[in-house]
N, C-alpha and C. Protein backbone atom coordinates (compact mmCIF):
# COMPACT_ATOMS: atom_id res chain seq x y z
N MET A 1 3.13 -5.22 -8.56
CA MET A 1 1.78 -4.72 -8.66
C MET A 1 0.74 -5.77 -8.25
N LYS A 2 1.18 -6.93 -7.80
CA LYS A 2 0.24 -7.97 -7.36
C LYS A 2 -0.35 -7.63 -5.99
N ILE A 3 -1.48 -8.25 -5.71
CA ILE A 3 -2.14 -8.10 -4.41
C ILE A 3 -1.45 -9.02 -3.41
N CYS A 4 -1.13 -8.52 -2.23
CA CYS A 4 -0.38 -9.30 -1.25
C CYS A 4 -1.25 -10.31 -0.50
N CYS A 5 -2.47 -9.97 -0.19
CA CYS A 5 -3.28 -10.85 0.64
C CYS A 5 -4.49 -11.39 -0.12
N GLY A 6 -4.61 -12.70 -0.14
CA GLY A 6 -5.70 -13.35 -0.86
C GLY A 6 -5.17 -14.21 -1.98
N TYR A 7 -6.06 -14.92 -2.63
CA TYR A 7 -5.71 -15.78 -3.76
C TYR A 7 -6.35 -15.17 -5.00
N HIS A 8 -5.52 -14.78 -5.96
CA HIS A 8 -6.02 -14.08 -7.15
C HIS A 8 -5.30 -14.67 -8.37
N VAL A 9 -5.87 -15.72 -8.93
CA VAL A 9 -5.26 -16.41 -10.07
C VAL A 9 -6.34 -16.69 -11.10
N ASN A 10 -6.07 -16.35 -12.36
CA ASN A 10 -6.97 -16.65 -13.48
C ASN A 10 -8.43 -16.28 -13.20
N ASP A 11 -8.68 -15.07 -12.82
CA ASP A 11 -10.04 -14.57 -12.55
C ASP A 11 -10.73 -15.28 -11.39
N THR A 12 -9.97 -15.99 -10.55
CA THR A 12 -10.51 -16.56 -9.32
C THR A 12 -10.00 -15.69 -8.18
N HIS A 13 -10.92 -15.12 -7.42
CA HIS A 13 -10.53 -14.22 -6.33
C HIS A 13 -11.11 -14.73 -5.02
N ILE A 14 -10.21 -15.11 -4.13
CA ILE A 14 -10.58 -15.51 -2.76
C ILE A 14 -9.91 -14.47 -1.87
N TRP A 15 -10.72 -13.65 -1.27
CA TRP A 15 -10.21 -12.48 -0.56
C TRP A 15 -9.51 -12.85 0.74
N CYS A 16 -8.68 -11.98 1.18
CA CYS A 16 -7.81 -12.16 2.34
C CYS A 16 -8.56 -12.73 3.55
N GLY A 17 -8.05 -13.84 4.07
CA GLY A 17 -8.63 -14.44 5.26
C GLY A 17 -9.83 -15.33 5.00
N ASN A 18 -10.18 -15.58 3.74
CA ASN A 18 -11.35 -16.39 3.41
C ASN A 18 -10.96 -17.72 2.79
N LEU A 19 -11.85 -18.68 2.95
CA LEU A 19 -11.71 -19.98 2.29
C LEU A 19 -12.54 -19.96 1.01
N GLY A 20 -12.06 -20.64 0.00
CA GLY A 20 -12.80 -20.73 -1.25
C GLY A 20 -12.36 -21.94 -2.04
N SER A 21 -12.84 -22.04 -3.24
CA SER A 21 -12.52 -23.17 -4.10
C SER A 21 -11.94 -22.67 -5.41
N ALA A 22 -10.83 -23.29 -5.84
CA ALA A 22 -10.21 -22.96 -7.11
C ALA A 22 -9.77 -24.26 -7.77
N ASN A 23 -10.24 -24.50 -8.97
CA ASN A 23 -9.93 -25.73 -9.70
C ASN A 23 -10.27 -26.97 -8.90
N GLY A 24 -11.39 -26.92 -8.18
CA GLY A 24 -11.85 -28.07 -7.41
C GLY A 24 -11.11 -28.31 -6.10
N LYS A 25 -10.25 -27.40 -5.71
CA LYS A 25 -9.49 -27.55 -4.46
C LYS A 25 -9.85 -26.42 -3.51
N ASP A 26 -9.84 -26.73 -2.21
CA ASP A 26 -10.06 -25.69 -1.21
C ASP A 26 -8.80 -24.83 -1.13
N VAL A 27 -9.01 -23.52 -1.12
CA VAL A 27 -7.90 -22.56 -1.10
C VAL A 27 -8.19 -21.53 -0.02
N PHE A 28 -7.14 -21.15 0.72
CA PHE A 28 -7.24 -20.11 1.73
C PHE A 28 -6.56 -18.85 1.21
N GLY A 29 -7.20 -17.74 1.33
CA GLY A 29 -6.63 -16.45 0.90
C GLY A 29 -5.72 -15.91 1.97
N SER A 30 -4.48 -16.36 1.96
CA SER A 30 -3.52 -15.96 2.99
C SER A 30 -2.69 -14.77 2.53
N ALA A 31 -1.89 -14.25 3.44
CA ALA A 31 -1.00 -13.13 3.13
C ALA A 31 0.25 -13.64 2.42
N CYS A 32 0.86 -12.76 1.64
CA CYS A 32 2.08 -13.13 0.93
C CYS A 32 3.23 -13.26 1.93
N GLU A 33 4.32 -13.88 1.48
CA GLU A 33 5.46 -14.10 2.37
C GLU A 33 6.25 -12.83 2.66
N ASN A 34 6.32 -11.91 1.69
CA ASN A 34 7.12 -10.71 1.89
C ASN A 34 6.32 -9.46 1.55
N PRO A 35 5.48 -8.98 2.46
CA PRO A 35 4.62 -7.85 2.17
C PRO A 35 5.36 -6.56 1.85
N SER A 36 6.62 -6.43 2.23
CA SER A 36 7.35 -5.20 1.95
C SER A 36 7.64 -5.02 0.46
N GLN A 37 7.38 -6.03 -0.34
CA GLN A 37 7.60 -5.94 -1.78
C GLN A 37 6.32 -5.68 -2.56
N TYR A 38 5.22 -5.40 -1.87
CA TYR A 38 3.92 -5.19 -2.50
C TYR A 38 3.39 -3.80 -2.27
N ILE A 39 2.66 -3.28 -3.23
CA ILE A 39 2.02 -1.97 -3.10
C ILE A 39 0.62 -2.10 -2.52
N SER A 40 -0.11 -3.12 -2.97
CA SER A 40 -1.49 -3.28 -2.55
C SER A 40 -1.63 -4.47 -1.61
N TRP A 41 -2.29 -4.24 -0.48
CA TRP A 41 -2.52 -5.31 0.48
C TRP A 41 -3.64 -6.23 0.00
N ASP A 42 -4.78 -5.64 -0.37
CA ASP A 42 -5.96 -6.46 -0.69
C ASP A 42 -6.74 -5.90 -1.88
N SER A 43 -6.08 -5.16 -2.73
CA SER A 43 -6.62 -4.48 -3.91
C SER A 43 -7.39 -3.20 -3.55
N VAL A 44 -7.55 -2.91 -2.28
CA VAL A 44 -8.23 -1.69 -1.84
C VAL A 44 -7.28 -0.85 -0.99
N HIS A 45 -6.54 -1.48 -0.11
CA HIS A 45 -5.67 -0.78 0.84
C HIS A 45 -4.21 -0.92 0.44
N TYR A 46 -3.45 0.17 0.64
CA TYR A 46 -2.02 0.10 0.40
C TYR A 46 -1.36 -0.84 1.39
N ALA A 47 -0.28 -1.48 0.96
CA ALA A 47 0.54 -2.27 1.86
C ALA A 47 1.36 -1.31 2.73
N GLU A 48 1.93 -1.80 3.79
CA GLU A 48 2.71 -0.96 4.70
C GLU A 48 3.87 -0.29 3.95
N ALA A 49 4.51 -1.00 3.04
CA ALA A 49 5.63 -0.43 2.29
C ALA A 49 5.17 0.78 1.47
N ALA A 50 4.01 0.70 0.86
CA ALA A 50 3.49 1.83 0.08
C ALA A 50 3.14 3.00 0.99
N ASN A 51 2.56 2.72 2.14
CA ASN A 51 2.24 3.79 3.10
C ASN A 51 3.51 4.51 3.55
N HIS A 52 4.58 3.75 3.79
CA HIS A 52 5.86 4.36 4.18
C HIS A 52 6.39 5.25 3.06
N TRP A 53 6.30 4.79 1.81
CA TRP A 53 6.79 5.54 0.67
C TRP A 53 6.06 6.89 0.58
N VAL A 54 4.73 6.86 0.66
CA VAL A 54 3.94 8.09 0.58
C VAL A 54 4.24 9.00 1.77
N ALA A 55 4.24 8.45 2.97
CA ALA A 55 4.49 9.26 4.17
C ALA A 55 5.87 9.92 4.13
N ASN A 56 6.88 9.21 3.68
CA ASN A 56 8.21 9.80 3.61
C ASN A 56 8.26 10.98 2.65
N ARG A 57 7.53 10.90 1.56
CA ARG A 57 7.52 12.01 0.60
C ARG A 57 6.71 13.21 1.11
N ILE A 58 5.69 12.94 1.89
CA ILE A 58 4.95 14.03 2.53
C ILE A 58 5.86 14.71 3.55
N LEU A 59 6.56 13.92 4.35
CA LEU A 59 7.41 14.47 5.40
C LEU A 59 8.61 15.22 4.84
N ASN A 60 9.21 14.73 3.74
CA ASN A 60 10.40 15.42 3.23
C ASN A 60 10.05 16.55 2.27
N GLY A 61 8.78 16.71 1.95
CA GLY A 61 8.33 17.84 1.15
C GLY A 61 8.34 17.63 -0.34
N SER A 62 8.68 16.44 -0.81
CA SER A 62 8.78 16.24 -2.26
C SER A 62 7.42 16.20 -2.96
N PHE A 63 6.32 16.20 -2.23
CA PHE A 63 4.99 16.25 -2.84
C PHE A 63 4.43 17.68 -2.89
N THR A 64 5.20 18.65 -2.46
CA THR A 64 4.71 20.04 -2.50
C THR A 64 5.48 20.84 -3.56
N ASP A 65 4.90 21.94 -3.95
CA ASP A 65 5.52 22.82 -4.93
C ASP A 65 5.47 24.25 -4.41
N PRO A 66 6.58 24.83 -4.01
CA PRO A 66 7.92 24.28 -4.04
C PRO A 66 8.11 23.25 -2.92
N PRO A 67 9.11 22.37 -3.09
CA PRO A 67 9.35 21.36 -2.05
C PRO A 67 9.55 21.99 -0.68
N THR A 68 8.74 21.57 0.30
CA THR A 68 8.81 22.13 1.65
C THR A 68 8.69 20.99 2.65
N PRO A 69 9.76 20.71 3.39
CA PRO A 69 9.68 19.66 4.41
C PRO A 69 8.59 19.98 5.43
N ILE A 70 7.99 18.97 5.99
CA ILE A 70 6.87 19.15 6.91
C ILE A 70 7.24 20.03 8.11
N ILE A 71 8.51 19.99 8.56
CA ILE A 71 8.89 20.80 9.72
C ILE A 71 8.90 22.29 9.39
N GLN A 72 8.89 22.65 8.09
CA GLN A 72 8.82 24.05 7.71
C GLN A 72 7.46 24.46 7.18
N ALA A 73 6.57 23.51 6.97
CA ALA A 73 5.30 23.78 6.30
C ALA A 73 4.34 24.62 7.12
N CYS A 74 4.47 24.65 8.42
CA CYS A 74 3.50 25.35 9.25
C CYS A 74 3.97 26.75 9.68
N TYR A 75 5.08 27.18 9.15
CA TYR A 75 5.61 28.49 9.53
C TYR A 75 5.30 29.50 8.44
N LYS A 76 4.74 30.60 8.84
CA LYS A 76 4.44 31.69 7.90
C LYS A 76 5.68 32.55 7.74
N LYS A 77 6.04 32.76 6.47
CA LYS A 77 7.20 33.60 6.22
C LYS A 77 6.78 35.06 6.40
N THR A 78 7.62 35.81 7.06
CA THR A 78 7.34 37.23 7.26
C THR A 78 8.22 38.05 6.33
N LYS A 79 7.70 39.17 5.88
CA LYS A 79 8.47 40.06 5.03
C LYS A 79 9.44 40.86 5.90
N LEU A 80 10.61 41.07 5.36
CA LEU A 80 11.61 41.86 6.10
C LEU A 80 11.53 43.31 5.73
């Protein structure tokens, strides 16, 4: 649940791509080493891994009731 990009320690927030100061030292808000393990990129935007998770569930239909894969979602059922 941590933010992937930026420096966020003990109420000190240096946003992604910015320089700042923390405990008297210059700090750069860089990206994490393994973004695929994070949900939030910068506390506002989802990380790529989270976007993939949501998109896969939209495509496979698990977010609809009843579950309907996207390839079937645009077809109108006709009565026989």
